[in-house]
Amino acid sequence: MKKFVLPAFFNGVKAPFTVFLGDSEPRHHPLHFQTDWLSRERGGTIPQEVMDSIAKLKELAEKNNVSFEELCVYALGSAQQEED
């Protein structure tokens, strides 16, 4: 399991939110339970484009038989470096 910081919205205000990504149940989105908690307990949401990107990474990892965690480290690490 790997720790990442993704954008989330709380009452329309964008803020960083820590998530953990690892092997998840095949029938659930990798962030399913964390986004459910975020919504219920904190009133926050993760943008749909971020959710779609994570789902696409999961799909690519399965298709190419590579580690989802390591693909996220590579992809999300590269994206964070571009933002800095």
PDB file of N, CA and C in Angstrom:
ATOM      1  N   MET A   1       0.851  -1.168   0.000  1.00  0.00           N
ATOM      2  CA  MET A   1       0.000   0.000   0.000  1.00  0.00           C
ATOM      3  C   MET A   1       0.902   1.238   0.000  1.00  0.00           C
ATOM      4  N   LYS A   2       0.536   2.203  -0.850  1.00  0.00           N
ATOM      5  CA  LYS A   2       1.323   3.429  -0.993  1.00  0.00           C
ATOM      6  C   LYS A   2       0.461   4.647  -0.654  1.00  0.00           C
ATOM      7  N   LYS A   3       1.119   5.650  -0.106  1.00  0.00           N
ATOM      8  CA  LYS A   3       0.451   6.881   0.311  1.00  0.00           C
ATOM      9  C   LYS A   3       0.624   7.950  -0.767  1.00  0.00           C
ATOM     10  N   PHE A   4      -0.483   8.630  -1.100  1.00  0.00           N
ATOM     11  CA  PHE A   4      -0.471   9.702  -2.090  1.00  0.00           C
ATOM     12  C   PHE A   4      -1.306  10.866  -1.577  1.00  0.00           C
ATOM     13  N   VAL A   5      -1.018  12.034  -2.090  1.00  0.00           N
ATOM     14  CA  VAL A   5      -1.825  13.215  -1.780  1.00  0.00           C
ATOM     15  C   VAL A   5      -2.521  13.637  -3.070  1.00  0.00           C
ATOM     16  N   LEU A   6      -3.849  13.652  -3.017  1.00  0.00           N
ATOM     17  CA  LEU A   6      -4.668  14.009  -4.173  1.00  0.00           C
ATOM     18  C   LEU A   6      -5.501  15.240  -3.832  1.00  0.00           C
ATOM     19  N   PRO A   7      -5.977  15.942  -4.844  1.00  0.00           N
ATOM     20  CA  PRO A   7      -6.860  17.077  -4.562  1.00  0.00           C
ATOM     21  C   PRO A   7      -8.251  16.591  -4.158  1.00  0.00           C
ATOM     22  N   ALA A   8      -8.861  17.320  -3.256  1.00  0.00           N
ATOM     23  CA  ALA A   8     -10.243  17.059  -2.858  1.00  0.00           C
ATOM     24  C   ALA A   8     -10.927  18.411  -2.681  1.00  0.00           C
ATOM     25  N   PHE A   9     -12.234  18.385  -2.731  1.00  0.00           N
ATOM     26  CA  PHE A   9     -13.006  19.608  -2.540  1.00  0.00           C
ATOM     27  C   PHE A   9     -13.852  19.489  -1.277  1.00  0.00           C
ATOM     28  N   PHE A  10     -13.788  20.541  -0.464  1.00  0.00           N
ATOM     29  CA  PHE A  10     -14.574  20.641   0.755  1.00  0.00           C
ATOM     30  C   PHE A  10     -15.348  21.955   0.674  1.00  0.00           C
ATOM     31  N   ASN A  11     -16.657  21.851   0.508  1.00  0.00           N
ATOM     32  CA  ASN A  11     -17.500  23.049   0.353  1.00  0.00           C
ATOM     33  C   ASN A  11     -16.973  23.978  -0.730  1.00  0.00           C
ATOM     34  N   GLY A  12     -16.558  23.398  -1.855  1.00  0.00           N
ATOM     35  CA  GLY A  12     -16.093  24.180  -2.990  1.00  0.00           C
ATOM     36  C   GLY A  12     -14.656  24.645  -2.908  1.00  0.00           C
ATOM     37  N   VAL A  13     -13.972  24.328  -1.814  1.00  0.00           N
ATOM     38  CA  VAL A  13     -12.581  24.739  -1.629  1.00  0.00           C
ATOM     39  C   VAL A  13     -11.670  23.536  -1.876  1.00  0.00           C
ATOM     40  N   LYS A  14     -10.701  23.714  -2.769  1.00  0.00           N
ATOM     41  CA  LYS A  14      -9.765  22.641  -3.097  1.00  0.00           C
ATOM     42  C   LYS A  14      -8.700  22.545  -2.010  1.00  0.00           C
ATOM     43  N   ALA A  15      -8.433  21.306  -1.563  1.00  0.00           N
ATOM     44  CA  ALA A  15      -7.421  21.080  -0.533  1.00  0.00           C
ATOM     45  C   ALA A  15      -6.774  19.720  -0.763  1.00  0.00           C
ATOM     46  N   PRO A  16      -5.532  19.545  -0.330  1.00  0.00           N
ATOM     47  CA  PRO A  16      -4.882  18.246  -0.463  1.00  0.00           C
ATOM     48  C   PRO A  16      -5.507  17.238   0.503  1.00  0.00           C
ATOM     49  N   PHE A  17      -5.581  15.991   0.055  1.00  0.00           N
ATOM     50  CA  PHE A  17      -6.140  14.921   0.880  1.00  0.00           C
ATOM     51  C   PHE A  17      -5.298  13.670   0.687  1.00  0.00           C
ATOM     52  N   THR A  18      -4.887  13.055   1.774  1.00  0.00           N
ATOM     53  CA  THR A  18      -4.048  11.859   1.723  1.00  0.00           C
ATOM     54  C   THR A  18      -4.902  10.619   1.507  1.00  0.00           C
ATOM     55  N   VAL A  19      -4.492   9.798   0.543  1.00  0.00           N
ATOM     56  CA  VAL A  19      -5.151   8.519   0.269  1.00  0.00           C
ATOM     57  C   VAL A  19      -4.090   7.427   0.249  1.00  0.00           C
ATOM     58  N   PHE A  20      -4.552   6.192   0.339  1.00  0.00           N
ATOM     59  CA  PHE A  20      -3.673   5.036   0.259  1.00  0.00           C
ATOM     60  C   PHE A  20      -4.161   4.150  -0.875  1.00  0.00           C
ATOM     61  N   LEU A  21      -3.241   3.801  -1.770  1.00  0.00           N
ATOM     62  CA  LEU A  21      -3.584   2.967  -2.920  1.00  0.00           C
ATOM     63  C   LEU A  21      -2.823   1.655  -2.843  1.00  0.00           C
ATOM     64  N   GLY A  22      -3.532   0.588  -3.115  1.00  0.00           N
ATOM     65  CA  GLY A  22      -2.936  -0.740  -3.130  1.00  0.00           C
ATOM     66  C   GLY A  22      -3.879  -1.679  -3.851  1.00  0.00           C
ATOM     67  N   ASP A  23      -3.663  -2.952  -3.677  1.00  0.00           N
ATOM     68  CA  ASP A  23      -4.544  -3.933  -4.305  1.00  0.00           C
ATOM     69  C   ASP A  23      -5.925  -3.825  -3.678  1.00  0.00           C
ATOM     70  N   SER A  24      -6.918  -3.654  -4.520  1.00  0.00           N
ATOM     71  CA  SER A  24      -8.294  -3.524  -4.041  1.00  0.00           C
ATOM     72  C   SER A  24      -9.130  -4.659  -4.610  1.00  0.00           C
ATOM     73  N   GLU A  25     -10.344  -4.778  -4.093  1.00  0.00           N
ATOM     74  CA  GLU A  25     -11.261  -5.771  -4.636  1.00  0.00           C
ATOM     75  C   GLU A  25     -11.505  -5.460  -6.106  1.00  0.00           C
ATOM     76  N   PRO A  26     -11.496  -6.460  -6.954  1.00  0.00           N
ATOM     77  CA  PRO A  26     -11.672  -6.212  -8.391  1.00  0.00           C
ATOM     78  C   PRO A  26     -12.978  -5.495  -8.738  1.00  0.00           C
ATOM     79  N   ARG A  27     -14.021  -5.704  -7.955  1.00  0.00           N
ATOM     80  CA  ARG A  27     -15.316  -5.102  -8.310  1.00  0.00           C
ATOM     81  C   ARG A  27     -15.487  -3.679  -7.778  1.00  0.00           C
ATOM     82  N   HIS A  28     -14.495  -3.177  -7.019  1.00  0.00           N
ATOM     83  CA  HIS A  28     -14.575  -1.818  -6.489  1.00  0.00           C
ATOM     84  C   HIS A  28     -13.480  -0.932  -7.070  1.00  0.00           C
ATOM     85  N   HIS A  29     -13.792   0.338  -7.193  1.00  0.00           N
ATOM     86  CA  HIS A  29     -12.793   1.338  -7.576  1.00  0.00           C
ATOM     87  C   HIS A  29     -11.729   1.356  -6.479  1.00  0.00           C
ATOM     88  N   PRO A  30     -10.455   1.555  -6.826  1.00  0.00           N
ATOM     89  CA  PRO A  30      -9.398   1.563  -5.807  1.00  0.00           C
ATOM     90  C   PRO A  30      -9.611   2.582  -4.679  1.00  0.00           C
ATOM     91  N   LEU A  31     -10.373   3.632  -4.947  1.00  0.00           N
ATOM     92  CA  LEU A  31     -10.633   4.642  -3.915  1.00  0.00           C
ATOM     93  C   LEU A  31     -12.055   4.571  -3.358  1.00  0.00           C
ATOM     94  N   HIS A  32     -12.786   3.522  -3.688  1.00  0.00           N
ATOM     95  CA  HIS A  32     -14.201   3.414  -3.322  1.00  0.00           C
ATOM     96  C   HIS A  32     -14.453   3.694  -1.839  1.00  0.00           C
ATOM     97  N   PHE A  33     -13.796   2.967  -0.970  1.00  0.00           N
ATOM     98  CA  PHE A  33     -14.078   3.087   0.457  1.00  0.00           C
ATOM     99  C   PHE A  33     -13.560   4.403   1.039  1.00  0.00           C
ATOM    100  N   GLN A  34     -12.447   4.888   0.511  1.00  0.00           N
ATOM    101  CA  GLN A  34     -11.903   6.154   1.010  1.00  0.00           C
ATOM    102  C   GLN A  34     -12.768   7.342   0.588  1.00  0.00           C
ATOM    103  N   THR A  35     -13.276   7.310  -0.645  1.00  0.00           N
ATOM    104  CA  THR A  35     -14.142   8.413  -1.083  1.00  0.00           C
ATOM    105  C   THR A  35     -15.486   8.371  -0.364  1.00  0.00           C
ATOM    106  N   ASP A  36     -15.955   7.167  -0.063  1.00  0.00           N
ATOM    107  CA  ASP A  36     -17.194   7.026   0.701  1.00  0.00           C
ATOM    108  C   ASP A  36     -17.018   7.656   2.084  1.00  0.00           C
ATOM    109  N   TRP A  37     -15.914   7.331   2.749  1.00  0.00           N
ATOM    110  CA  TRP A  37     -15.624   7.896   4.064  1.00  0.00           C
ATOM    111  C   TRP A  37     -15.473   9.418   3.980  1.00  0.00           C
ATOM    112  N   LEU A  38     -14.724   9.877   2.983  1.00  0.00           N
ATOM    113  CA  LEU A  38     -14.485  11.310   2.809  1.00  0.00           C
ATOM    114  C   LEU A  38     -15.805  12.069   2.678  1.00  0.00           C
ATOM    115  N   SER A  39     -16.710  11.522   1.915  1.00  0.00           N
ATOM    116  CA  SER A  39     -18.009  12.156   1.704  1.00  0.00           C
ATOM    117  C   SER A  39     -18.854  12.155   2.985  1.00  0.00           C
ATOM    118  N   ARG A  40     -18.948  10.996   3.619  1.00  0.00           N
ATOM    119  CA  ARG A  40     -19.780  10.854   4.818  1.00  0.00           C
ATOM    120  C   ARG A  40     -19.249  11.633   6.016  1.00  0.00           C
ATOM    121  N   GLU A  41     -17.964  11.481   6.283  1.00  0.00           N
ATOM    122  CA  GLU A  41     -17.389  12.019   7.512  1.00  0.00           C
ATOM    123  C   GLU A  41     -16.864  13.447   7.399  1.00  0.00           C
ATOM    124  N   ARG A  42     -16.421  13.818   6.232  1.00  0.00           N
ATOM    125  CA  ARG A  42     -15.804  15.138   6.072  1.00  0.00           C
ATOM    126  C   ARG A  42     -16.534  16.042   5.081  1.00  0.00           C
ATOM    127  N   GLY A  43     -17.508  15.503   4.363  1.00  0.00           N
ATOM    128  CA  GLY A  43     -18.235  16.298   3.383  1.00  0.00           C
ATOM    129  C   GLY A  43     -17.402  16.672   2.169  1.00  0.00           C
ATOM    130  N   GLY A  44     -16.381  15.864   1.874  1.00  0.00           N
ATOM    131  CA  GLY A  44     -15.487  16.155   0.756  1.00  0.00           C
ATOM    132  C   GLY A  44     -15.697  15.228  -0.422  1.00  0.00           C
ATOM    133  N   THR A  45     -15.148  15.636  -1.555  1.00  0.00           N
ATOM    134  CA  THR A  45     -15.199  14.810  -2.763  1.00  0.00           C
ATOM    135  C   THR A  45     -13.859  14.891  -3.484  1.00  0.00           C
ATOM    136  N   ILE A  46     -13.528  13.814  -4.160  1.00  0.00           N
ATOM    137  CA  ILE A  46     -12.359  13.794  -5.037  1.00  0.00           C
ATOM    138  C   ILE A  46     -12.887  14.030  -6.446  1.00  0.00           C
ATOM    139  N   PRO A  47     -12.278  14.940  -7.210  1.00  0.00           N
ATOM    140  CA  PRO A  47     -12.779  15.254  -8.553  1.00  0.00           C
ATOM    141  C   PRO A  47     -12.906  14.009  -9.439  1.00  0.00           C
ATOM    142  N   GLN A  48     -13.928  14.008 -10.283  1.00  0.00           N
ATOM    143  CA  GLN A  48     -14.192  12.862 -11.148  1.00  0.00           C
ATOM    144  C   GLN A  48     -13.013  12.551 -12.058  1.00  0.00           C
ATOM    145  N   GLU A  49     -12.318  13.582 -12.559  1.00  0.00           N
ATOM    146  CA  GLU A  49     -11.182  13.316 -13.447  1.00  0.00           C
ATOM    147  C   GLU A  49     -10.060  12.584 -12.709  1.00  0.00           C
ATOM    148  N   VAL A  50      -9.905  12.835 -11.413  1.00  0.00           N
ATOM    149  CA  VAL A  50      -8.911  12.105 -10.617  1.00  0.00           C
ATOM    150  C   VAL A  50      -9.371  10.662 -10.439  1.00  0.00           C
ATOM    151  N   MET A  51     -10.644  10.479 -10.130  1.00  0.00           N
ATOM    152  CA  MET A  51     -11.198   9.125  -9.980  1.00  0.00           C
ATOM    153  C   MET A  51     -11.034   8.338 -11.278  1.00  0.00           C
ATOM    154  N   ASP A  52     -11.320   8.981 -12.409  1.00  0.00           N
ATOM    155  CA  ASP A  52     -11.175   8.319 -13.709  1.00  0.00           C
ATOM    156  C   ASP A  52      -9.724   7.946 -13.983  1.00  0.00           C
ATOM    157  N   SER A  53      -8.800   8.822 -13.626  1.00  0.00           N
ATOM    158  CA  SER A  53      -7.373   8.548 -13.848  1.00  0.00           C
ATOM    159  C   SER A  53      -6.905   7.359 -13.019  1.00  0.00           C
ATOM    160  N   ILE A  54      -7.343   7.280 -11.775  1.00  0.00           N
ATOM    161  CA  ILE A  54      -6.965   6.154 -10.911  1.00  0.00           C
ATOM    162  C   ILE A  54      -7.552   4.859 -11.463  1.00  0.00           C
ATOM    163  N   ALA A  55      -8.791   4.903 -11.926  1.00  0.00           N
ATOM    164  CA  ALA A  55      -9.417   3.714 -12.516  1.00  0.00           C
ATOM    165  C   ALA A  55      -8.657   3.267 -13.762  1.00  0.00           C
ATOM    166  N   LYS A  56      -8.225   4.222 -14.566  1.00  0.00           N
ATOM    167  CA  LYS A  56      -7.467   3.896 -15.775  1.00  0.00           C
ATOM    168  C   LYS A  56      -6.120   3.264 -15.413  1.00  0.00           C
ATOM    169  N   LEU A  57      -5.461   3.769 -14.377  1.00  0.00           N
ATOM    170  CA  LEU A  57      -4.199   3.164 -13.933  1.00  0.00           C
ATOM    171  C   LEU A  57      -4.418   1.724 -13.482  1.00  0.00           C
ATOM    172  N   LYS A  58      -5.509   1.477 -12.765  1.00  0.00           N
ATOM    173  CA  LYS A  58      -5.834   0.111 -12.315  1.00  0.00           C
ATOM    174  C   LYS A  58      -6.032  -0.799 -13.525  1.00  0.00           C
ATOM    175  N   GLU A  59      -6.769  -0.308 -14.506  1.00  0.00           N
ATOM    176  CA  GLU A  59      -7.023  -1.072 -15.729  1.00  0.00           C
ATOM    177  C   GLU A  59      -5.718  -1.366 -16.477  1.00  0.00           C
ATOM    178  N   LEU A  60      -4.853  -0.371 -16.601  1.00  0.00           N
ATOM    179  CA  LEU A  60      -3.566  -0.562 -17.285  1.00  0.00           C
ATOM    180  C   LEU A  60      -2.679  -1.558 -16.550  1.00  0.00           C
ATOM    181  N   ALA A  61      -2.662  -1.481 -15.229  1.00  0.00           N
ATOM    182  CA  ALA A  61      -1.849  -2.405 -14.438  1.00  0.00           C
ATOM    183  C   ALA A  61      -2.316  -3.843 -14.651  1.00  0.00           C
ATOM    184  N   GLU A  62      -3.626  -4.054 -14.626  1.00  0.00           N
ATOM    185  CA  GLU A  62      -4.165  -5.400 -14.831  1.00  0.00           C
ATOM    186  C   GLU A  62      -3.887  -5.890 -16.247  1.00  0.00           C
ATOM    187  N   LYS A  63      -4.095  -5.029 -17.226  1.00  0.00           N
ATOM    188  CA  LYS A  63      -3.899  -5.397 -18.631  1.00  0.00           C
ATOM    189  C   LYS A  63      -2.451  -5.776 -18.918  1.00  0.00           C
ATOM    190  N   ASN A  64      -1.512  -5.049 -18.314  1.00  0.00           N
ATOM    191  CA  ASN A  64      -0.090  -5.270 -18.585  1.00  0.00           C
ATOM    192  C   ASN A  64       0.612  -6.109 -17.523  1.00  0.00           C
ATOM    193  N   ASN A  65      -0.172  -6.639 -16.582  1.00  0.00           N
ATOM    194  CA  ASN A  65       0.355  -7.508 -15.533  1.00  0.00           C
ATOM    195  C   ASN A  65       1.519  -6.854 -14.775  1.00  0.00           C
ATOM    196  N   VAL A  66       1.304  -5.605 -14.370  1.00  0.00           N
ATOM    197  CA  VAL A  66       2.293  -4.886 -13.567  1.00  0.00           C
ATOM    198  C   VAL A  66       1.644  -4.476 -12.247  1.00  0.00           C
ATOM    199  N   SER A  67       2.458  -4.121 -11.295  1.00  0.00           N
ATOM    200  CA  SER A  67       1.980  -3.714  -9.982  1.00  0.00           C
ATOM    201  C   SER A  67       1.215  -2.390 -10.075  1.00  0.00           C
ATOM    202  N   PHE A  68      -0.017  -2.401  -9.590  1.00  0.00           N
ATOM    203  CA  PHE A  68      -0.821  -1.180  -9.556  1.00  0.00           C
ATOM    204  C   PHE A  68      -0.143  -0.119  -8.692  1.00  0.00           C
ATOM    205  N   GLU A  69       0.375  -0.530  -7.536  1.00  0.00           N
ATOM    206  CA  GLU A  69       1.051   0.415  -6.647  1.00  0.00           C
ATOM    207  C   GLU A  69       2.236   1.082  -7.336  1.00  0.00           C
ATOM    208  N   GLU A  70       3.065   0.279  -7.995  1.00  0.00           N
ATOM    209  CA  GLU A  70       4.256   0.832  -8.639  1.00  0.00           C
ATOM    210  C   GLU A  70       3.893   1.722  -9.829  1.00  0.00           C
ATOM    211  N   LEU A  71       2.847   1.350 -10.558  1.00  0.00           N
ATOM    212  CA  LEU A  71       2.391   2.191 -11.665  1.00  0.00           C
ATOM    213  C   LEU A  71       1.898   3.539 -11.127  1.00  0.00           C
ATOM    214  N   CYS A  72       1.203   3.519 -10.004  1.00  0.00           N
ATOM    215  CA  CYS A  72       0.748   4.768  -9.385  1.00  0.00           C
ATOM    216  C   CYS A  72       1.931   5.618  -8.938  1.00  0.00           C
ATOM    217  N   VAL A  73       2.945   4.987  -8.352  1.00  0.00           N
ATOM    218  CA  VAL A  73       4.139   5.726  -7.932  1.00  0.00           C
ATOM    219  C   VAL A  73       4.755   6.413  -9.139  1.00  0.00           C
ATOM    220  N   TYR A  74       4.882   5.674 -10.235  1.00  0.00           N
ATOM    221  CA  TYR A  74       5.470   6.230 -11.457  1.00  0.00           C
ATOM    222  C   TYR A  74       4.598   7.354 -12.029  1.00  0.00           C
ATOM    223  N   ALA A  75       3.315   7.067 -12.233  1.00  0.00           N
ATOM    224  CA  ALA A  75       2.420   8.027 -12.895  1.00  0.00           C
ATOM    225  C   ALA A  75       2.126   9.243 -12.019  1.00  0.00           C
ATOM    226  N   LEU A  76       1.772   9.011 -10.780  1.00  0.00           N
ATOM    227  CA  LEU A  76       1.419  10.130  -9.910  1.00  0.00           C
ATOM    228  C   LEU A  76       2.656  10.899  -9.471  1.00  0.00           C
ATOM    229  N   GLY A  77       3.771  10.211  -9.329  1.00  0.00           N
ATOM    230  CA  GLY A  77       5.026  10.894  -9.012  1.00  0.00           C
ATOM    231  C   GLY A  77       5.445  11.806 -10.144  1.00  0.00           C
ATOM    232  N   SER A  78       5.297  11.344 -11.382  1.00  0.00           N
ATOM    233  CA  SER A  78       5.621  12.165 -12.552  1.00  0.00           C
ATOM    234  C   SER A  78       4.699  13.375 -12.631  1.00  0.00           C
ATOM    235  N   ALA A  79       3.427  13.173 -12.350  1.00  0.00           N
ATOM    236  CA  ALA A  79       2.458  14.273 -12.400  1.00  0.00           C
ATOM    237  C   ALA A  79       2.772  15.314 -11.332  1.00  0.00           C
ATOM    238  N   GLN A  80       3.171  14.872 -10.144  1.00  0.00           N
ATOM    239  CA  GLN A  80       3.494  15.813  -9.072  1.00  0.00           C
ATOM    240  C   GLN A  80       4.741  16.617  -9.412  1.00  0.00           C
ATOM    241  N   GLN A  81       5.726  15.983 -10.040  1.00  0.00           N
ATOM    242  CA  GLN A  81       6.940  16.694 -10.424  1.00  0.00           C
ATOM    243  C   GLN A  81       6.627  17.767 -11.462  1.00  0.00           C
ATOM    244  N   GLU A  82       5.697  17.482 -12.378  1.00  0.00           N
ATOM    245  CA  GLU A  82       5.315  18.460 -13.394  1.00  0.00           C
ATOM    246  C   GLU A  82       4.633  19.665 -12.756  1.00  0.00           C
ATOM    247  N   GLU A  83       3.858  19.438 -11.680  1.00  0.00           N
ATOM    248  CA  GLU A  83       3.166  20.533 -10.998  1.00  0.00           C
ATOM    249  C   GLU A  83       4.140  21.429 -10.258  1.00  0.00           C
ATOM    250  N   ASP A  84       5.225  20.852  -9.745  1.00  0.00           N
ATOM    251  CA  ASP A  84       6.215  21.621  -8.967  1.00  0.00           C
ATOM    252  C   ASP A  84       7.042  22.443  -9.869  1.00  0.00           C
TER     253      ASP A  84
END
